[in-house]
N, C-alpha and C. Protein backbone atom coordinates (compact mmCIF):
# COMPACT_ATOMS: atom_id res chain seq x y z
N UNK A 1 -15.16 -14.99 11.19
CA UNK A 1 -14.03 -14.85 11.38
C UNK A 1 -13.44 -15.09 12.79
N UNK A 2 -13.06 -15.33 13.68
CA UNK A 2 -13.00 -15.30 15.07
C UNK A 2 -10.81 -14.85 15.23
N UNK A 3 -11.77 -13.34 15.74
CA UNK A 3 -10.39 -12.44 15.74
C UNK A 3 -9.82 -12.59 17.45
N UNK A 4 -10.82 -12.95 18.38
CA UNK A 4 -10.07 -12.50 20.09
C UNK A 4 -10.76 -14.32 20.68
N UNK A 5 -9.68 -14.52 21.72
CA UNK A 5 -10.30 -15.71 22.51
C UNK A 5 -11.22 -15.16 23.19
N UNK A 6 -12.00 -16.46 23.73
CA UNK A 6 -13.35 -16.29 24.45
C UNK A 6 -12.86 -16.28 25.86
N UNK A 7 -11.46 -16.63 26.58
CA UNK A 7 -10.88 -16.57 27.77
C UNK A 7 -10.62 -15.22 28.01
N UNK A 8 -10.97 -14.00 29.25
CA UNK A 8 -10.69 -12.87 28.72
C UNK A 8 -9.53 -12.54 29.25
N UNK A 9 -8.39 -13.39 29.90
CA UNK A 9 -7.06 -13.10 30.03
C UNK A 9 -6.19 -13.09 28.19
N UNK A 10 -6.34 -13.78 27.78
CA UNK A 10 -6.31 -14.24 26.33
C UNK A 10 -6.65 -13.24 25.40
N UNK A 11 -7.53 -12.74 25.69
CA UNK A 11 -8.70 -11.98 24.65
C UNK A 11 -7.66 -10.48 24.92
N UNK A 12 -7.63 -10.04 26.60
CA UNK A 12 -7.00 -8.71 26.70
C UNK A 12 -5.86 -8.52 26.35
N UNK A 13 -4.50 -9.78 26.78
CA UNK A 13 -3.39 -10.06 25.64
C UNK A 13 -3.30 -9.46 24.69
N UNK A 14 -4.59 -10.04 23.50
CA UNK A 14 -4.70 -10.20 21.76
C UNK A 14 -4.68 -8.65 22.08
N UNK A 15 -5.99 -7.93 22.37
CA UNK A 15 -6.20 -6.74 22.58
C UNK A 15 -4.93 -5.69 22.71
N UNK A 16 -4.21 -5.87 23.45
CA UNK A 16 -3.39 -5.14 24.02
C UNK A 16 -2.11 -5.35 22.98
N UNK A 17 -1.95 -6.12 22.61
CA UNK A 17 -1.14 -6.72 21.35
C UNK A 17 -1.62 -5.75 19.88
N UNK A 18 -2.60 -6.09 19.82
CA UNK A 18 -3.27 -5.47 18.58
C UNK A 18 -3.05 -3.85 18.86
N UNK A 19 -3.47 -3.17 20.00
CA UNK A 19 -2.80 -1.75 20.19
C UNK A 19 -1.79 -1.65 20.02
N UNK A 20 -0.46 -2.30 20.57
CA UNK A 20 0.90 -1.83 20.81
C UNK A 20 1.38 -1.55 18.92
N UNK A 21 0.63 -2.98 17.92
CA UNK A 21 1.24 -2.96 16.94
C UNK A 21 0.13 -1.84 16.34
N UNK A 22 -0.74 -1.29 16.52
CA UNK A 22 -0.95 0.10 15.87
C UNK A 22 -0.59 0.93 16.40
N UNK A 23 -0.18 1.43 17.68
CA UNK A 23 0.46 2.31 17.99
C UNK A 23 1.98 2.04 17.46
N UNK A 24 2.53 1.27 17.10
CA UNK A 24 3.98 1.27 16.62
C UNK A 24 3.93 1.85 15.08
N UNK A 25 2.96 1.21 14.14
CA UNK A 25 2.57 1.65 13.56
C UNK A 25 2.28 3.54 12.85
N UNK A 26 1.50 3.76 13.54
CA UNK A 26 1.52 5.22 13.47
C UNK A 26 2.67 6.04 14.28
N UNK A 27 3.42 5.39 14.99
CA UNK A 27 4.18 6.05 15.41
C UNK A 27 5.37 6.57 14.35
N UNK A 28 5.61 5.01 14.00
CA UNK A 28 6.67 4.87 12.44
C UNK A 28 6.23 5.82 11.70
N UNK A 29 5.40 5.44 11.07
CA UNK A 29 5.20 6.63 9.71
C UNK A 29 4.80 8.09 10.02
N UNK A 30 4.16 8.43 11.61
CA UNK A 30 4.64 9.88 11.48
C UNK A 30 6.20 10.47 11.68
N UNK A 31 6.60 9.40 12.38
CA UNK A 31 8.17 10.16 12.72
C UNK A 31 8.83 10.22 11.22
N UNK A 32 8.47 8.49 10.06
CA UNK A 32 8.40 9.25 8.99
C UNK A 32 8.57 10.56 8.26
N UNK A 33 7.47 11.04 8.34
CA UNK A 33 6.35 11.82 7.51
C UNK A 33 7.24 13.24 8.48
N UNK A 34 7.50 13.07 9.34
CA UNK A 34 8.31 14.44 10.16
C UNK A 34 9.34 14.52 9.40
N UNK A 35 10.48 13.38 9.54
CA UNK A 35 11.80 13.36 9.06
C UNK A 35 11.60 14.50 7.68
N UNK A 36 10.33 13.64 6.90
CA UNK A 36 10.67 14.02 5.40
C UNK A 36 10.66 16.13 5.66
N UNK A 37 9.57 16.39 6.58
CA UNK A 37 9.67 17.90 6.24
C UNK A 37 10.73 18.48 6.74
N UNK A 38 11.41 18.02 7.87
CA UNK A 38 12.88 17.90 8.05
C UNK A 38 13.61 18.17 6.97
N UNK A 39 13.45 16.85 6.32
CA UNK A 39 14.76 16.97 5.39
C UNK A 39 14.41 18.21 4.25
N UNK A 40 13.31 18.27 3.74
CA UNK A 40 12.88 19.57 2.68
C UNK A 40 13.28 20.63 2.94
N UNK A 41 13.48 20.74 4.53
CA UNK A 41 13.37 22.08 5.03
C UNK A 41 14.74 22.59 4.39
N UNK A 42 15.15 21.51 4.14
CA UNK A 42 17.06 22.10 3.95
C UNK A 42 17.10 22.49 2.36
N UNK A 43 16.06 22.39 1.63
CA UNK A 43 15.76 22.91 -0.04
C UNK A 43 15.51 23.87 0.13
N UNK A 44 15.71 24.68 1.09
CA UNK A 44 15.70 26.37 0.84
C UNK A 44 17.03 26.67 0.58
N UNK A 45 17.76 26.37 0.97
CA UNK A 45 19.73 27.02 0.69
C UNK A 45 19.63 26.98 -0.90
N UNK A 46 19.25 25.44 -1.35
CA UNK A 46 19.39 25.38 -2.90
C UNK A 46 18.98 25.91 -3.50
N UNK A 47 17.64 26.58 -3.53
CA UNK A 47 16.69 27.60 -3.87
C UNK A 47 16.85 28.34 -4.18
N UNK A 48 17.52 29.36 -2.79
CA UNK A 48 18.33 30.79 -2.72
C UNK A 48 19.72 30.85 -3.65
N UNK A 49 20.33 29.81 -4.08
CA UNK A 49 21.37 29.59 -4.44
C UNK A 49 21.19 29.60 -6.18
N UNK A 50 19.77 29.43 -6.57
CA UNK A 50 19.40 28.80 -7.80
C UNK A 50 18.99 30.02 -8.52
N UNK A 51 18.25 30.53 -7.28
CA UNK A 51 17.70 31.93 -7.57
C UNK A 51 18.72 33.23 -7.74
N UNK A 52 19.81 32.69 -7.07
CA UNK A 52 20.88 34.14 -6.90
C UNK A 52 21.62 33.74 -8.21
N UNK A 53 21.95 32.38 -8.23
CA UNK A 53 23.00 32.39 -10.00
C UNK A 53 21.83 32.64 -10.81
N UNK A 54 20.34 32.31 -11.03
CA UNK A 54 19.82 33.01 -12.27
C UNK A 54 19.76 34.32 -12.04
N UNK A 55 19.33 34.90 -11.17
CA UNK A 55 19.33 36.67 -11.00
C UNK A 55 20.68 37.22 -11.44
N UNK A 56 21.74 36.79 -10.58
CA UNK A 56 23.39 37.36 -11.10
C UNK A 56 24.04 37.16 -13.10
N UNK A 57 23.01 35.85 -13.39
CA UNK A 57 23.84 35.73 -14.42
C UNK A 57 23.07 36.24 -15.85
N UNK A 58 21.78 36.96 -15.51
CA UNK A 58 20.53 37.42 -16.13
C UNK A 58 21.61 38.99 -15.78
N UNK A 59 21.81 39.62 -14.80
CA UNK A 59 22.28 40.60 -14.51
C UNK A 59 23.84 41.00 -15.40
N UNK A 60 24.11 40.25 -15.25
CA UNK A 60 25.47 40.27 -16.18
C UNK A 60 25.84 40.04 -17.29
N UNK A 61 24.45 39.46 -18.29
CA UNK A 61 23.85 39.50 -19.70
C UNK A 61 23.40 40.64 -19.82
N UNK A 62 22.70 41.35 -19.25
CA UNK A 62 22.23 42.11 -19.51
C UNK A 62 23.59 43.33 -19.62
N UNK A 63 24.39 43.15 -18.39
CA UNK A 63 25.60 44.39 -18.18
C UNK A 63 26.28 44.13 -19.65
N UNK A 64 26.23 42.84 -19.87
CA UNK A 64 28.02 42.62 -21.05
C UNK A 64 26.67 43.20 -22.85
N UNK A 65 25.59 42.72 -22.44
CA UNK A 65 24.97 43.70 -23.53
C UNK A 65 25.19 45.30 -23.96
N UNK A 66 25.00 45.50 -22.69
CA UNK A 66 25.00 47.30 -22.44
C UNK A 66 26.62 47.59 -23.33
N UNK A 67 27.62 47.44 -22.50
CA UNK A 67 28.98 47.21 -22.68
C UNK A 67 29.20 46.96 -24.31
N UNK A 68 28.66 46.01 -24.71
CA UNK A 68 29.10 46.15 -26.13
C UNK A 68 29.18 47.37 -27.12
N UNK A 69 28.09 47.79 -26.63
CA UNK A 69 27.47 49.58 -27.40
C UNK A 69 28.68 50.51 -27.29
N UNK A 70 29.49 49.94 -26.54
CA UNK A 70 30.51 51.20 -26.18
C UNK A 70 31.58 51.23 -27.48
N UNK A 71 31.70 51.97 -28.67
CA UNK A 71 32.26 52.27 -29.20
C UNK A 71 33.70 51.40 -29.61
N UNK A 72 34.32 50.48 -30.38
CA UNK A 72 35.44 50.02 -30.55
C UNK A 72 35.90 49.51 -29.38
N UNK A 73 35.78 49.67 -28.53
CA UNK A 73 36.35 48.38 -27.38
C UNK A 73 35.00 47.79 -26.84
N UNK A 74 33.97 47.77 -27.34
CA UNK A 74 32.56 47.10 -26.70
C UNK A 74 33.17 45.68 -26.44
N UNK A 75 33.70 45.01 -27.00
CA UNK A 75 33.61 43.76 -27.11
C UNK A 75 34.62 43.21 -26.21
N UNK A 76 35.45 44.03 -25.92
CA UNK A 76 36.70 43.49 -24.78
C UNK A 76 36.29 44.12 -23.48
N UNK A 77 35.32 44.60 -23.48
CA UNK A 77 34.64 45.55 -22.00
C UNK A 77 33.38 44.57 -21.86
N UNK A 78 32.99 43.81 -22.54
CA UNK A 78 32.01 43.05 -22.31
C UNK A 78 32.73 41.19 -21.72
N UNK A 79 33.95 41.21 -22.21
CA UNK A 79 34.07 39.87 -21.73
C UNK A 79 34.28 39.50 -19.84
N UNK A 80 34.39 40.18 -19.46
CA UNK A 80 34.27 40.25 -17.86
C UNK A 80 33.16 40.00 -17.68
N UNK A 81 32.56 40.95 -18.12
CA UNK A 81 30.59 40.66 -17.68
C UNK A 81 30.19 38.82 -18.02
N UNK A 82 30.55 38.62 -19.31
CA UNK A 82 30.47 37.35 -19.86
C UNK A 82 30.88 36.20 -18.83
N UNK A 83 32.10 36.82 -18.56
CA UNK A 83 32.41 35.66 -17.60
C UNK A 83 31.84 35.15 -16.03
N UNK A 84 31.74 36.27 -15.96
CA UNK A 84 31.02 36.49 -14.44
C UNK A 84 29.79 36.02 -14.73
N UNK A 85 29.00 36.31 -15.87
CA UNK A 85 27.52 35.62 -16.34
C UNK A 85 27.58 33.53 -16.08
N UNK A 86 28.92 33.18 -16.04
CA UNK A 86 28.97 32.02 -16.42
C UNK A 86 29.36 31.57 -15.11
N UNK A 87 29.86 32.34 -14.00
CA UNK A 87 29.97 31.82 -12.47
C UNK A 87 28.39 31.96 -12.31
N UNK A 88 27.88 32.57 -12.36
CA UNK A 88 26.20 32.90 -12.39
C UNK A 88 25.68 31.51 -12.57
N UNK A 89 25.83 30.81 -13.59
CA UNK A 89 25.32 29.32 -13.99
C UNK A 89 25.98 28.48 -13.04
N UNK A 90 27.12 28.70 -13.12
CA UNK A 90 27.81 27.36 -11.97
C UNK A 90 26.97 27.67 -10.83
N UNK A 91 26.44 28.65 -10.07
CA UNK A 91 25.94 28.67 -8.96
C UNK A 91 24.28 28.20 -9.38
N UNK A 92 23.90 28.43 -10.24
CA UNK A 92 22.76 28.26 -10.43
C UNK A 92 22.69 26.25 -11.02
N UNK A 93 23.24 26.03 -11.35
CA UNK A 93 24.05 24.53 -11.22
C UNK A 93 24.11 24.33 -10.06
N UNK A 94 24.69 24.26 -9.02
CA UNK A 94 24.66 23.92 -8.26
C UNK A 94 23.46 24.17 -6.81
N UNK A 95 23.16 24.81 -7.59
CA UNK A 95 21.42 24.91 -6.49
C UNK A 95 20.79 24.05 -6.96
N UNK A 96 20.58 23.89 -8.29
CA UNK A 96 19.91 22.69 -8.92
C UNK A 96 20.19 21.19 -8.24
N UNK A 97 21.59 20.85 -7.98
CA UNK A 97 21.92 19.98 -7.71
C UNK A 97 22.20 19.71 -6.69
N UNK A 98 22.04 20.63 -5.54
CA UNK A 98 21.57 20.64 -4.08
C UNK A 98 20.09 20.01 -4.00
N UNK A 99 19.21 20.62 -4.29
CA UNK A 99 17.61 20.33 -4.17
C UNK A 99 17.74 18.85 -4.91
N UNK A 100 18.51 18.56 -6.06
CA UNK A 100 18.03 16.71 -6.18
C UNK A 100 18.47 16.11 -4.94
N UNK A 101 19.50 16.24 -4.97
CA UNK A 101 20.07 15.75 -3.52
C UNK A 101 19.04 15.76 -2.24
N UNK A 102 18.63 16.79 -1.65
CA UNK A 102 17.89 16.79 -0.74
C UNK A 102 16.14 16.14 -1.23
N UNK A 103 16.13 16.35 -2.38
CA UNK A 103 14.85 15.10 -2.92
C UNK A 103 14.94 14.20 -2.70
N UNK A 104 16.31 13.39 -2.89
CA UNK A 104 16.74 11.89 -2.96
C UNK A 104 16.40 11.75 -1.93
N UNK A 105 17.41 12.56 -0.99
CA UNK A 105 17.24 12.42 1.06
C UNK A 105 16.22 11.72 1.85
N UNK A 106 14.99 12.99 0.89
CA UNK A 106 13.27 13.02 1.25
C UNK A 106 12.88 12.36 1.65
N UNK A 107 13.31 11.22 0.14
CA UNK A 107 12.39 10.16 -0.30
C UNK A 107 12.82 8.61 0.90
N UNK A 108 14.55 8.95 0.69
CA UNK A 108 15.46 8.02 0.95
C UNK A 108 15.36 7.71 2.44
N UNK A 109 15.82 8.40 3.03
CA UNK A 109 15.82 8.31 4.84
C UNK A 109 14.68 8.47 5.20
N UNK A 110 13.05 8.85 5.11
CA UNK A 110 12.11 8.61 5.53
C UNK A 110 11.31 7.11 5.30
N UNK A 111 11.71 6.79 3.93
CA UNK A 111 11.40 5.07 3.87
C UNK A 111 11.92 3.93 4.69
N UNK A 112 13.62 4.51 4.82
CA UNK A 112 14.21 3.49 5.93
C UNK A 112 13.96 3.87 7.32
N UNK A 113 13.55 5.05 7.72
CA UNK A 113 13.23 4.93 8.93
C UNK A 113 11.74 4.23 9.14
N UNK A 114 10.59 4.32 8.34
CA UNK A 114 9.69 3.39 8.41
C UNK A 114 9.37 2.30 8.13
N UNK A 115 10.30 1.87 7.09
CA UNK A 115 10.65 0.26 6.73
C UNK A 115 10.61 -0.86 7.53
N UNK A 116 11.95 -0.46 8.18
CA UNK A 116 12.52 -1.15 8.84
C UNK A 116 12.04 -1.47 10.33
N UNK A 117 11.22 -0.97 10.82
CA UNK A 117 10.13 -1.29 12.15
C UNK A 117 8.90 -1.56 11.54
N UNK A 118 8.49 -1.43 10.62
CA UNK A 118 7.12 -2.02 10.09
C UNK A 118 7.33 -3.28 9.81
N UNK A 119 8.74 -3.45 9.19
CA UNK A 119 9.15 -4.92 8.75
C UNK A 119 9.16 -5.76 9.87
N UNK A 120 9.61 -5.68 10.76
CA UNK A 120 9.63 -5.80 12.39
C UNK A 120 8.64 -6.37 12.75
N UNK A 121 7.44 -5.36 12.57
CA UNK A 121 6.05 -6.11 13.20
C UNK A 121 5.57 -6.96 12.15
N UNK A 122 5.47 -6.64 10.90
CA UNK A 122 5.08 -7.89 9.75
C UNK A 122 5.90 -9.55 10.07
N UNK A 123 7.25 -9.16 11.00
CA UNK A 123 7.61 -10.38 11.18
C UNK A 123 7.62 -11.57 11.87
N UNK A 124 7.28 -10.08 13.41
CA UNK A 124 6.82 -10.94 14.46
C UNK A 124 5.60 -11.07 14.89
N UNK A 125 4.55 -10.06 15.09
CA UNK A 125 3.40 -10.00 15.40
C UNK A 125 2.32 -10.75 14.69
N UNK A 126 2.65 -9.67 13.34
CA UNK A 126 1.75 -9.78 12.21
C UNK A 126 1.69 -11.87 11.83
N UNK A 127 2.64 -12.56 11.68
CA UNK A 127 1.86 -13.97 11.62
C UNK A 127 1.93 -15.03 12.47
N UNK A 128 1.57 -14.30 13.93
CA UNK A 128 1.58 -15.00 15.03
C UNK A 128 0.12 -15.00 15.06
N UNK A 129 0.06 -13.67 14.93
CA UNK A 129 -1.53 -13.35 15.31
C UNK A 129 -2.46 -13.88 13.78
N UNK A 130 -1.98 -14.11 12.38
CA UNK A 130 -2.75 -14.42 11.27
C UNK A 130 -2.93 -15.59 11.60
N UNK A 131 -1.47 -16.81 12.05
CA UNK A 131 -1.97 -17.82 12.50
C UNK A 131 -2.95 -18.14 13.35
N UNK A 132 -2.67 -17.77 14.84
CA UNK A 132 -4.17 -17.93 15.47
C UNK A 132 -5.44 -17.34 15.15
N UNK A 133 -5.55 -16.42 14.37
CA UNK A 133 -7.09 -16.55 13.83
C UNK A 133 -7.56 -17.37 13.14
N UNK A 134 -6.32 -17.71 11.82
CA UNK A 134 -6.58 -18.85 11.32
C UNK A 134 -7.28 -20.21 11.87
N UNK A 135 -6.42 -20.68 12.67
CA UNK A 135 -6.47 -22.09 13.61
C UNK A 135 -8.20 -21.57 14.54
N UNK A 136 -8.16 -20.27 15.26
CA UNK A 136 -9.41 -20.24 16.16
C UNK A 136 -10.40 -20.24 14.57
N UNK A 137 -10.64 -19.45 13.93
CA UNK A 137 -11.65 -19.35 13.06
C UNK A 137 -11.94 -20.77 12.40
N UNK A 138 -11.14 -21.81 11.90
CA UNK A 138 -11.13 -22.81 11.12
C UNK A 138 -11.93 -23.80 13.11
N UNK A 139 -11.21 -24.02 13.55
CA UNK A 139 -11.88 -24.72 14.94
C UNK A 139 -13.56 -23.81 15.41
N UNK A 140 -13.82 -22.77 15.53
CA UNK A 140 -15.10 -22.53 15.23
C UNK A 140 -16.08 -23.00 14.04
N UNK A 141 -15.13 -23.35 13.31
CA UNK A 141 -16.41 -24.07 11.70
C UNK A 141 -16.51 -25.37 11.96
N UNK A 142 -15.43 -25.85 13.14
CA UNK A 142 -15.93 -27.06 13.67
C UNK A 142 -17.24 -27.77 13.97
N UNK A 143 -18.12 -26.89 14.49
CA UNK A 143 -19.05 -26.74 15.24
C UNK A 143 -20.11 -27.35 14.70
N UNK A 144 -20.14 -27.15 13.28
CA UNK A 144 -20.85 -28.38 12.45
C UNK A 144 -20.86 -29.59 12.36
N UNK A 145 -20.17 -30.43 13.21
CA UNK A 145 -19.64 -31.64 12.79
C UNK A 145 -20.33 -32.03 14.11
N UNK A 146 -20.49 -33.59 13.99
CA UNK A 146 -21.29 -33.83 15.40
C UNK A 146 -19.49 -34.22 16.73
N UNK A 147 -20.33 -34.56 17.94
CA UNK A 147 -19.25 -33.90 18.80
C UNK A 147 -17.94 -34.70 18.51
N UNK A 148 -18.45 -36.31 18.24
CA UNK A 148 -17.28 -37.47 18.57
C UNK A 148 -16.01 -36.76 16.88
N UNK A 149 -16.86 -36.71 16.39
CA UNK A 149 -15.60 -36.46 14.99
C UNK A 149 -14.88 -34.63 14.74
N UNK A 150 -15.49 -34.00 15.77
CA UNK A 150 -15.39 -32.86 16.19
C UNK A 150 -14.10 -33.50 17.38
N UNK A 151 -14.57 -33.92 18.02
CA UNK A 151 -12.68 -34.26 18.90
C UNK A 151 -11.97 -34.70 18.80
N UNK A 152 -12.22 -35.98 17.88
CA UNK A 152 -11.23 -36.17 17.50
C UNK A 152 -10.14 -35.32 16.22
N UNK A 153 -10.94 -34.44 15.73
CA UNK A 153 -10.28 -33.52 14.76
C UNK A 153 -9.67 -32.60 15.74
N UNK A 154 -10.08 -32.29 16.64
CA UNK A 154 -9.60 -31.53 17.91
C UNK A 154 -8.51 -32.09 18.45
N UNK A 155 -8.47 -33.22 18.88
CA UNK A 155 -7.33 -34.23 19.23
C UNK A 155 -6.21 -34.20 18.95
N UNK A 156 -6.62 -34.49 17.42
CA UNK A 156 -5.66 -34.36 16.37
C UNK A 156 -4.31 -33.39 16.02
N UNK A 157 -5.15 -32.32 16.20
CA UNK A 157 -4.06 -30.99 16.38
C UNK A 157 -3.63 -30.52 17.56
N UNK A 158 -4.31 -30.77 18.90
CA UNK A 158 -2.96 -31.07 19.53
C UNK A 158 -2.08 -31.88 19.87
N UNK A 159 -2.41 -33.25 19.07
CA UNK A 159 -1.14 -34.22 19.00
C UNK A 159 0.10 -32.94 18.28
N UNK A 160 -0.66 -32.73 16.85
CA UNK A 160 0.81 -32.25 16.05
C UNK A 160 1.06 -30.74 16.48
N UNK A 161 0.76 -30.19 17.73
CA UNK A 161 1.23 -28.52 17.92
C UNK A 161 1.52 -28.36 19.25
N UNK A 162 0.75 -29.24 20.35
CA UNK A 162 0.64 -29.09 21.84
C UNK A 162 2.18 -29.19 22.27
N UNK A 163 2.84 -29.27 23.33
CA UNK A 163 3.80 -29.65 23.79
C UNK A 163 4.07 -31.28 24.51
N UNK A 164 5.00 -32.14 24.33
CA UNK A 164 5.12 -32.98 24.66
C UNK A 164 4.55 -33.50 26.32
N UNK A 165 5.18 -32.40 26.54
CA UNK A 165 4.95 -32.59 28.43
C UNK A 165 3.14 -32.23 28.24
N UNK A 166 2.98 -31.26 27.67
CA UNK A 166 1.11 -31.42 28.09
C UNK A 166 0.15 -32.40 27.39
N UNK A 167 1.01 -33.27 26.39
CA UNK A 167 0.25 -34.42 25.84
C UNK A 167 0.63 -35.57 26.80
N UNK A 168 1.47 -35.82 27.54
CA UNK A 168 2.18 -36.99 28.78
C UNK A 168 1.28 -36.48 29.75
N UNK A 169 0.56 -35.37 29.95
CA UNK A 169 -0.03 -35.17 31.07
C UNK A 169 -1.30 -35.75 30.69
N UNK A 170 -1.93 -35.67 29.51
CA UNK A 170 -3.51 -36.40 29.18
C UNK A 170 -2.94 -37.87 29.70
N UNK A 171 -1.80 -38.52 28.63
CA UNK A 171 -1.98 -39.90 28.46
C UNK A 171 -0.22 -40.22 28.42
N UNK A 172 0.12 -40.94 28.78
CA UNK A 172 1.31 -41.75 28.59
C UNK A 172 1.55 -42.28 27.54
N UNK A 173 0.75 -42.22 26.75
CA UNK A 173 0.78 -42.57 24.78
C UNK A 173 -0.61 -42.22 24.27
N UNK A 174 -0.25 -40.37 24.28
CA UNK A 174 -1.75 -40.06 23.15
C UNK A 174 -1.74 -40.35 22.41
N UNK A 175 -0.61 -40.64 21.38
CA UNK A 175 -1.32 -41.26 19.88
C UNK A 175 -1.90 -42.10 20.16
N UNK A 176 -1.38 -43.41 20.50
CA UNK A 176 -1.85 -44.83 20.75
C UNK A 176 -3.48 -45.23 20.78
N UNK A 177 -3.39 -43.98 22.21
CA UNK A 177 -5.09 -43.93 22.46
C UNK A 177 -5.97 -42.79 21.48
N UNK A 178 -4.62 -41.87 20.96
CA UNK A 178 -6.07 -41.44 19.98
C UNK A 178 -6.46 -42.29 18.54
N UNK A 179 -5.70 -43.07 18.22
CA UNK A 179 -6.09 -44.41 17.71
C UNK A 179 -7.07 -45.07 17.67
N UNK A 180 -7.00 -45.56 19.07
CA UNK A 180 -7.89 -46.88 19.81
C UNK A 180 -9.14 -45.88 19.66
N UNK A 181 -9.17 -44.17 19.73
CA UNK A 181 -10.45 -43.83 20.03
C UNK A 181 -10.65 -43.77 21.41
N UNK A 182 -9.88 -43.60 22.79
CA UNK A 182 -10.12 -43.86 23.81
C UNK A 182 -11.39 -42.39 24.29
N UNK A 183 -12.45 -42.70 23.99
CA UNK A 183 -12.82 -41.29 24.37
C UNK A 183 -12.83 -40.20 25.63
N UNK A 184 -12.34 -40.96 26.94
CA UNK A 184 -11.53 -39.55 27.72
C UNK A 184 -10.43 -39.32 27.16
N UNK A 185 -9.48 -40.04 26.31
CA UNK A 185 -8.70 -39.41 26.03
C UNK A 185 -8.41 -38.29 25.12
N UNK A 186 -9.66 -38.57 23.92
CA UNK A 186 -9.99 -37.63 22.94
C UNK A 186 -10.31 -36.96 23.58
N UNK A 187 -11.73 -36.49 24.25
CA UNK A 187 -12.27 -35.60 24.64
C UNK A 187 -10.83 -34.78 25.53
N UNK A 188 -10.23 -35.32 26.33
CA UNK A 188 -9.33 -34.20 26.92
C UNK A 188 -8.15 -33.86 26.26
N UNK A 189 -7.71 -34.76 25.03
CA UNK A 189 -6.82 -33.55 24.13
C UNK A 189 -7.82 -32.66 23.15
N UNK A 190 -8.78 -33.00 23.54
CA UNK A 190 -9.82 -32.08 22.18
C UNK A 190 -9.84 -30.43 23.22
N UNK A 191 -10.25 -30.82 24.66
CA UNK A 191 -9.93 -30.04 25.89
C UNK A 191 -8.28 -29.25 25.37
N UNK A 192 -7.56 -30.18 25.45
CA UNK A 192 -6.59 -29.20 26.04
C UNK A 192 -5.99 -28.21 24.45
N UNK A 193 -6.21 -28.70 23.43
CA UNK A 193 -6.45 -28.15 22.14
C UNK A 193 -7.18 -26.67 22.04
N UNK A 194 -8.40 -26.31 22.56
CA UNK A 194 -9.15 -25.29 22.84
C UNK A 194 -8.18 -24.75 24.24
N UNK A 195 -8.06 -24.74 25.04
CA UNK A 195 -6.91 -24.25 25.93
C UNK A 195 -6.11 -23.62 25.01
N UNK A 196 -5.33 -24.52 24.76
CA UNK A 196 -4.53 -23.65 24.15
C UNK A 196 -4.74 -22.70 22.85
N UNK A 197 -5.91 -22.20 22.48
CA UNK A 197 -6.00 -21.72 21.55
C UNK A 197 -6.94 -20.14 22.38
N UNK A 198 -7.29 -20.64 23.51
CA UNK A 198 -7.95 -19.79 24.43
C UNK A 198 -9.53 -19.89 24.28
N UNK A 199 -10.18 -20.80 23.83
CA UNK A 199 -11.12 -20.98 23.13
C UNK A 199 -12.27 -21.78 24.41
N UNK A 200 -13.42 -21.87 24.51
CA UNK A 200 -14.27 -22.47 25.54
C UNK A 200 -14.53 -23.42 24.43
N UNK A 201 -15.49 -24.66 25.04
CA UNK A 201 -16.00 -25.66 24.41
C UNK A 201 -17.31 -25.17 24.21
N UNK A 202 -17.62 -25.64 22.58
CA UNK A 202 -19.44 -25.72 22.28
C UNK A 202 -19.95 -25.56 23.35
N UNK A 203 -20.69 -25.22 23.44
CA UNK A 203 -22.40 -25.64 24.21
C UNK A 203 -23.30 -27.08 23.66
N UNK A 204 -23.20 -27.95 24.89
CA UNK A 204 -23.85 -29.02 24.05
C UNK A 204 -25.02 -29.17 23.91
N UNK A 205 -25.64 -29.00 22.56
CA UNK A 205 -27.03 -28.97 22.25
C UNK A 205 -28.13 -30.17 22.77
N UNK A 206 -29.35 -30.00 23.22
CA UNK A 206 -30.31 -31.01 23.53
C UNK A 206 -30.07 -32.46 22.27
N UNK A 207 -30.04 -32.11 21.09
CA UNK A 207 -29.67 -33.40 20.14
C UNK A 207 -28.13 -33.93 20.29
N UNK A 208 -27.34 -33.42 20.47
CA UNK A 208 -25.88 -33.47 20.59
C UNK A 208 -26.66 -34.69 22.31
N UNK A 209 -26.55 -34.49 23.02
CA UNK A 209 -26.82 -35.04 24.61
C UNK A 209 -28.21 -36.31 24.54
N UNK A 210 -28.66 -36.38 23.20
CA UNK A 210 -29.75 -36.97 23.08
C UNK A 210 -28.80 -38.34 22.88
N UNK A 211 -27.56 -37.82 21.64
CA UNK A 211 -26.89 -38.90 20.46
C UNK A 211 -25.84 -39.64 21.64
N UNK A 212 -25.19 -38.83 22.69
CA UNK A 212 -24.39 -39.41 23.49
C UNK A 212 -25.16 -40.54 24.90
N UNK A 213 -26.07 -40.02 24.91
CA UNK A 213 -26.74 -40.24 25.41
C UNK A 213 -27.06 -42.12 24.88
């Protein structure tokens, strides 16, 4: 797999873009985790409300039980304490509801903070990087072919991907010259494709030099 270009400038730009992408991902994931901790810290009031409501309910129910033991008027005296215990239950329910809301926010907000920037990098940097790696790797795999076939394939890639201005700079009819297998044009188009990818030509072996001669 070919990860970086052969030319120093192109390779440096690719390395910088990769580092930027890594820093971008790390920064936004860290921000999302930090936000989650901040949101979870808001859970404390809900816990206090639930604990207070539970404690208040327990005390009121205990008081109601004790008051019921008073002869004759016990049940009447216990009624206010029973009502107050229901108030404690309402406070506990409010505390539980508050904690559920905080738990939901602690999941939703960090996801929004992390997913949107990660989607941005995945929609811009990642496809371009993957496309270059795929093309550069497949280009290097052509080294097993004979030079003429390799140059024709590279020239065909140049015809399908290079800008018209660059193609016209090679030949006024690059497609026609490729079809006629004009050696000079095919070689120049192959070199154009390699330059476009930031790759250097494969060194010519002694056997290839003999075949050309």
